[in-house]
N, C-alpha and C. Protein backbone atom coordinates (compact mmCIF):
# COMPACT_ATOMS: atom_id res chain seq x y z
N MET A 1 0.82 -1.20 0.00
CA MET A 1 0.00 0.00 0.00
C MET A 1 0.86 1.26 0.00
N ARG A 2 1.94 1.24 0.80
CA ARG A 2 2.79 2.41 0.90
C ARG A 2 3.50 2.69 -0.43
N LEU A 3 3.94 1.64 -1.13
CA LEU A 3 4.63 1.82 -2.41
C LEU A 3 3.67 2.41 -3.45
N THR A 4 2.42 1.98 -3.40
CA THR A 4 1.43 2.51 -4.34
C THR A 4 1.22 4.00 -4.11
N ILE A 5 1.14 4.43 -2.87
CA ILE A 5 0.95 5.84 -2.57
C ILE A 5 2.18 6.65 -2.99
N GLN A 6 3.37 6.10 -2.78
CA GLN A 6 4.58 6.80 -3.19
C GLN A 6 4.64 6.98 -4.70
N ARG A 7 4.25 5.96 -5.42
CA ARG A 7 4.26 6.07 -6.88
C ARG A 7 3.19 7.04 -7.37
N LEU A 8 2.05 7.07 -6.71
CA LEU A 8 1.00 8.02 -7.08
C LEU A 8 1.47 9.46 -6.85
N ILE A 9 2.14 9.69 -5.73
CA ILE A 9 2.68 11.03 -5.45
C ILE A 9 3.74 11.40 -6.49
N ALA A 10 4.59 10.44 -6.88
CA ALA A 10 5.61 10.72 -7.89
C ALA A 10 4.98 11.06 -9.24
N ILE A 11 3.92 10.37 -9.60
CA ILE A 11 3.24 10.66 -10.86
C ILE A 11 2.62 12.06 -10.82
N ILE A 12 2.01 12.40 -9.69
CA ILE A 12 1.42 13.73 -9.56
C ILE A 12 2.49 14.80 -9.64
N LEU A 13 3.66 14.54 -9.04
CA LEU A 13 4.75 15.51 -9.09
C LEU A 13 5.28 15.71 -10.51
N LEU A 14 5.09 14.75 -11.37
CA LEU A 14 5.52 14.91 -12.76
C LEU A 14 4.40 15.44 -13.66
N VAL A 15 3.16 15.14 -13.32
CA VAL A 15 2.05 15.57 -14.17
C VAL A 15 1.80 17.08 -14.03
N VAL A 16 1.88 17.59 -12.82
CA VAL A 16 1.60 19.02 -12.61
C VAL A 16 2.59 19.91 -13.38
N PRO A 17 3.93 19.68 -13.28
CA PRO A 17 4.84 20.50 -14.11
C PRO A 17 4.65 20.25 -15.61
N GLY A 18 4.24 19.05 -15.98
CA GLY A 18 3.97 18.78 -17.39
C GLY A 18 2.80 19.58 -17.91
N ILE A 19 1.76 19.69 -17.10
CA ILE A 19 0.60 20.50 -17.49
C ILE A 19 0.99 21.97 -17.55
N ILE A 20 1.81 22.42 -16.60
CA ILE A 20 2.26 23.82 -16.62
C ILE A 20 3.08 24.09 -17.88
N ALA A 21 3.96 23.16 -18.25
CA ALA A 21 4.77 23.33 -19.46
C ALA A 21 3.89 23.35 -20.71
N CYS A 22 2.89 22.49 -20.77
CA CYS A 22 1.98 22.48 -21.92
C CYS A 22 1.19 23.78 -22.00
N PHE A 23 0.71 24.27 -20.86
CA PHE A 23 -0.05 25.51 -20.86
C PHE A 23 0.84 26.68 -21.28
N GLY A 24 2.11 26.68 -20.85
CA GLY A 24 3.04 27.73 -21.27
C GLY A 24 3.31 27.69 -22.76
N PHE A 25 3.45 26.48 -23.31
CA PHE A 25 3.64 26.33 -24.75
C PHE A 25 2.44 26.86 -25.51
N LEU A 26 1.24 26.57 -25.01
CA LEU A 26 0.03 27.07 -25.67
C LEU A 26 -0.05 28.60 -25.62
N LYS A 27 0.38 29.21 -24.51
CA LYS A 27 0.39 30.67 -24.41
C LYS A 27 1.34 31.27 -25.46
N MET A 28 2.53 30.68 -25.60
CA MET A 28 3.48 31.18 -26.60
C MET A 28 2.92 31.01 -28.00
N LYS A 29 2.33 29.86 -28.27
CA LYS A 29 1.77 29.58 -29.59
C LYS A 29 0.62 30.55 -29.90
N ASP A 30 -0.23 30.80 -28.93
CA ASP A 30 -1.35 31.71 -29.15
C ASP A 30 -0.89 33.14 -29.42
N SER A 31 0.13 33.60 -28.71
CA SER A 31 0.59 34.97 -28.94
C SER A 31 1.21 35.09 -30.33
N LEU A 32 1.96 34.09 -30.77
CA LEU A 32 2.52 34.13 -32.12
C LEU A 32 1.43 34.04 -33.18
N PHE A 33 0.45 33.17 -32.97
CA PHE A 33 -0.62 33.01 -33.96
C PHE A 33 -1.45 34.28 -34.07
N ASP A 34 -1.77 34.89 -32.92
CA ASP A 34 -2.55 36.12 -32.96
C ASP A 34 -1.81 37.23 -33.70
N TYR A 35 -0.50 37.29 -33.51
CA TYR A 35 0.29 38.32 -34.19
C TYR A 35 0.31 38.08 -35.70
N TRP A 36 0.54 36.84 -36.11
CA TRP A 36 0.62 36.54 -37.53
C TRP A 36 -0.74 36.61 -38.21
N SER A 37 -1.79 36.24 -37.51
CA SER A 37 -3.11 36.27 -38.14
C SER A 37 -3.64 37.70 -38.29
N ALA A 38 -3.12 38.64 -37.52
CA ALA A 38 -3.57 40.03 -37.63
C ALA A 38 -3.08 40.69 -38.91
N PHE A 39 -2.11 40.12 -39.58
CA PHE A 39 -1.62 40.71 -40.83
C PHE A 39 -2.64 40.59 -41.95
N GLY A 40 -3.53 39.61 -41.91
CA GLY A 40 -4.52 39.45 -42.96
C GLY A 40 -5.71 40.38 -42.81
N ASN A 41 -5.91 40.92 -41.63
CA ASN A 41 -7.05 41.80 -41.36
C ASN A 41 -6.59 43.25 -41.49
N GLU A 42 -7.20 43.98 -42.41
CA GLU A 42 -6.77 45.36 -42.65
C GLU A 42 -7.30 46.33 -41.60
N THR A 43 -8.30 45.93 -40.81
CA THR A 43 -8.86 46.83 -39.82
C THR A 43 -8.06 46.83 -38.51
N LEU A 44 -7.18 45.85 -38.32
CA LEU A 44 -6.40 45.74 -37.08
C LEU A 44 -4.95 46.12 -37.31
N GLN A 45 -4.36 46.73 -36.33
CA GLN A 45 -2.93 47.00 -36.34
C GLN A 45 -2.24 45.83 -35.64
N PRO A 46 -1.37 45.08 -36.32
CA PRO A 46 -0.73 43.93 -35.66
C PRO A 46 0.19 44.38 -34.52
N SER A 47 -0.02 43.80 -33.36
CA SER A 47 0.84 44.08 -32.22
C SER A 47 1.12 42.75 -31.51
N PHE A 48 2.34 42.60 -31.07
CA PHE A 48 2.77 41.36 -30.43
C PHE A 48 2.48 41.45 -28.94
N GLU A 49 1.92 40.40 -28.36
CA GLU A 49 1.59 40.36 -26.94
C GLU A 49 2.79 39.82 -26.17
N TRP A 50 3.69 40.71 -25.78
CA TRP A 50 4.93 40.29 -25.11
C TRP A 50 4.67 39.70 -23.74
N GLY A 51 3.73 40.24 -23.00
CA GLY A 51 3.45 39.72 -21.66
C GLY A 51 2.98 38.27 -21.69
N LYS A 52 2.08 37.98 -22.61
CA LYS A 52 1.57 36.62 -22.77
C LYS A 52 2.68 35.67 -23.21
N PHE A 53 3.53 36.13 -24.13
CA PHE A 53 4.61 35.29 -24.62
C PHE A 53 5.65 35.01 -23.53
N ILE A 54 6.05 36.02 -22.78
CA ILE A 54 7.06 35.84 -21.73
C ILE A 54 6.51 34.98 -20.61
N LEU A 55 5.25 35.17 -20.24
CA LEU A 55 4.64 34.31 -19.22
C LEU A 55 4.62 32.86 -19.69
N GLY A 56 4.28 32.64 -20.94
CA GLY A 56 4.28 31.29 -21.49
C GLY A 56 5.67 30.69 -21.52
N PHE A 57 6.66 31.50 -21.86
CA PHE A 57 8.03 31.00 -21.90
C PHE A 57 8.51 30.61 -20.50
N ILE A 58 8.19 31.43 -19.51
CA ILE A 58 8.59 31.12 -18.13
C ILE A 58 7.91 29.84 -17.66
N MET A 59 6.63 29.70 -17.95
CA MET A 59 5.91 28.49 -17.54
C MET A 59 6.47 27.26 -18.24
N PHE A 60 6.75 27.38 -19.54
CA PHE A 60 7.30 26.25 -20.28
C PHE A 60 8.69 25.87 -19.76
N ALA A 61 9.54 26.86 -19.54
CA ALA A 61 10.89 26.58 -19.06
C ALA A 61 10.88 25.98 -17.66
N ALA A 62 10.00 26.48 -16.80
CA ALA A 62 9.94 25.95 -15.43
C ALA A 62 9.44 24.51 -15.42
N GLY A 63 8.39 24.23 -16.17
CA GLY A 63 7.85 22.87 -16.20
C GLY A 63 8.81 21.88 -16.83
N ALA A 64 9.36 22.24 -17.98
CA ALA A 64 10.30 21.35 -18.65
C ALA A 64 11.59 21.20 -17.85
N GLY A 65 12.05 22.28 -17.23
CA GLY A 65 13.26 22.21 -16.41
C GLY A 65 13.08 21.32 -15.19
N PHE A 66 11.90 21.37 -14.56
CA PHE A 66 11.65 20.50 -13.41
C PHE A 66 11.66 19.04 -13.82
N ILE A 67 10.99 18.72 -14.92
CA ILE A 67 10.96 17.32 -15.38
C ILE A 67 12.35 16.86 -15.78
N ALA A 68 13.11 17.71 -16.47
CA ALA A 68 14.47 17.33 -16.88
C ALA A 68 15.37 17.15 -15.66
N GLY A 69 15.27 18.03 -14.69
CA GLY A 69 16.08 17.91 -13.48
C GLY A 69 15.73 16.68 -12.68
N TRP A 70 14.45 16.38 -12.59
CA TRP A 70 14.02 15.18 -11.86
C TRP A 70 14.55 13.92 -12.54
N THR A 71 14.45 13.88 -13.87
CA THR A 71 14.96 12.73 -14.62
C THR A 71 16.47 12.60 -14.48
N PHE A 72 17.19 13.71 -14.54
CA PHE A 72 18.64 13.68 -14.40
C PHE A 72 19.05 13.20 -13.00
N TYR A 73 18.36 13.69 -11.98
CA TYR A 73 18.65 13.27 -10.60
C TYR A 73 18.41 11.77 -10.43
N ARG A 74 17.30 11.26 -10.98
CA ARG A 74 16.99 9.84 -10.88
C ARG A 74 18.02 9.00 -11.63
N ASP A 75 18.40 9.43 -12.83
CA ASP A 75 19.39 8.67 -13.60
C ASP A 75 20.76 8.71 -12.94
N ARG A 76 21.12 9.83 -12.33
CA ARG A 76 22.40 9.91 -11.63
C ARG A 76 22.41 8.98 -10.41
N LYS A 77 21.28 8.92 -9.73
CA LYS A 77 21.18 8.06 -8.55
C LYS A 77 21.26 6.58 -8.94
N ARG A 78 20.74 6.23 -10.10
CA ARG A 78 20.76 4.84 -10.56
C ARG A 78 21.97 4.52 -11.42
N ASN A 79 22.87 5.48 -11.56
CA ASN A 79 24.13 5.30 -12.28
C ASN A 79 23.91 5.04 -13.78
N TYR A 80 22.98 5.78 -14.38
CA TYR A 80 22.70 5.66 -15.81
C TYR A 80 23.36 6.74 -16.65
N VAL A 81 24.07 7.65 -16.03
CA VAL A 81 24.60 8.81 -16.74
C VAL A 81 26.04 8.56 -17.17
N ALA A 82 26.51 9.41 -18.07
CA ALA A 82 27.89 9.33 -18.54
C ALA A 82 28.84 9.68 -17.40
N PRO A 83 30.10 9.23 -17.48
CA PRO A 83 31.04 9.49 -16.39
C PRO A 83 31.23 10.97 -16.06
N ARG A 84 31.10 11.85 -17.02
CA ARG A 84 31.33 13.27 -16.73
C ARG A 84 30.21 13.87 -15.89
N PHE A 85 29.04 13.21 -15.83
CA PHE A 85 27.92 13.71 -15.03
C PHE A 85 27.82 13.05 -13.67
N LYS A 86 28.67 12.10 -13.39
CA LYS A 86 28.62 11.42 -12.10
C LYS A 86 29.15 12.34 -11.01
N GLU A 87 28.70 12.10 -9.78
CA GLU A 87 29.14 12.93 -8.66
C GLU A 87 30.62 12.70 -8.41
N LYS A 88 31.29 13.78 -8.09
CA LYS A 88 32.72 13.69 -7.77
C LYS A 88 32.87 13.18 -6.36
N ARG A 89 33.73 12.20 -6.19
CA ARG A 89 33.99 11.66 -4.86
C ARG A 89 35.35 12.15 -4.38
N ASN A 90 35.40 12.50 -3.13
CA ASN A 90 36.66 12.95 -2.56
C ASN A 90 37.56 11.75 -2.33
N LYS A 91 38.74 11.79 -2.93
CA LYS A 91 39.69 10.71 -2.75
C LYS A 91 40.53 10.99 -1.51
N PRO A 92 40.86 9.95 -0.77
CA PRO A 92 41.74 10.18 0.39
C PRO A 92 43.12 10.61 -0.11
N PRO A 93 43.82 11.42 0.67
CA PRO A 93 45.15 11.88 0.21
C PRO A 93 46.11 10.71 0.10
N LYS A 94 46.99 10.80 -0.89
CA LYS A 94 47.98 9.74 -1.10
C LYS A 94 49.01 9.79 0.02
N PRO A 95 49.41 8.62 0.48
CA PRO A 95 50.46 8.62 1.52
C PRO A 95 51.78 9.10 0.93
N THR A 96 52.48 9.89 1.69
CA THR A 96 53.77 10.41 1.23
C THR A 96 54.89 9.70 1.98
N LYS A 97 56.01 9.60 1.32
CA LYS A 97 57.17 8.99 1.95
C LYS A 97 57.87 10.06 2.80
N THR A 98 58.07 9.73 4.00
CA THR A 98 58.77 10.68 4.90
C THR A 98 60.13 10.10 5.26
N ASN A 99 61.07 10.94 5.38
CA ASN A 99 62.42 10.50 5.78
C ASN A 99 62.46 10.38 7.28
N LEU A 100 62.74 9.20 7.75
CA LEU A 100 62.83 8.99 9.20
C LEU A 100 64.25 8.89 9.62
């Protein structure tokens, strides 16, 4: 029962940022589409909605960054990453020869 609840919580933790990233992508897409579609209408002056686009970009970057970071952390913990991404371990100092 406990494992099932943990997996459900993990899925929710991934679904919520995924939905945020999708909503941000849709905001960016809508602002670009509205700007480009205004060129066909002679009664409107085309203007770009920067606030909507930047909000969408922030939402997309935050959601995608959270999912990417979570995946990277999990892969690093399970030792699936390349050697350059593995955690650095402190090596004990080498013994030195002393003159006695």
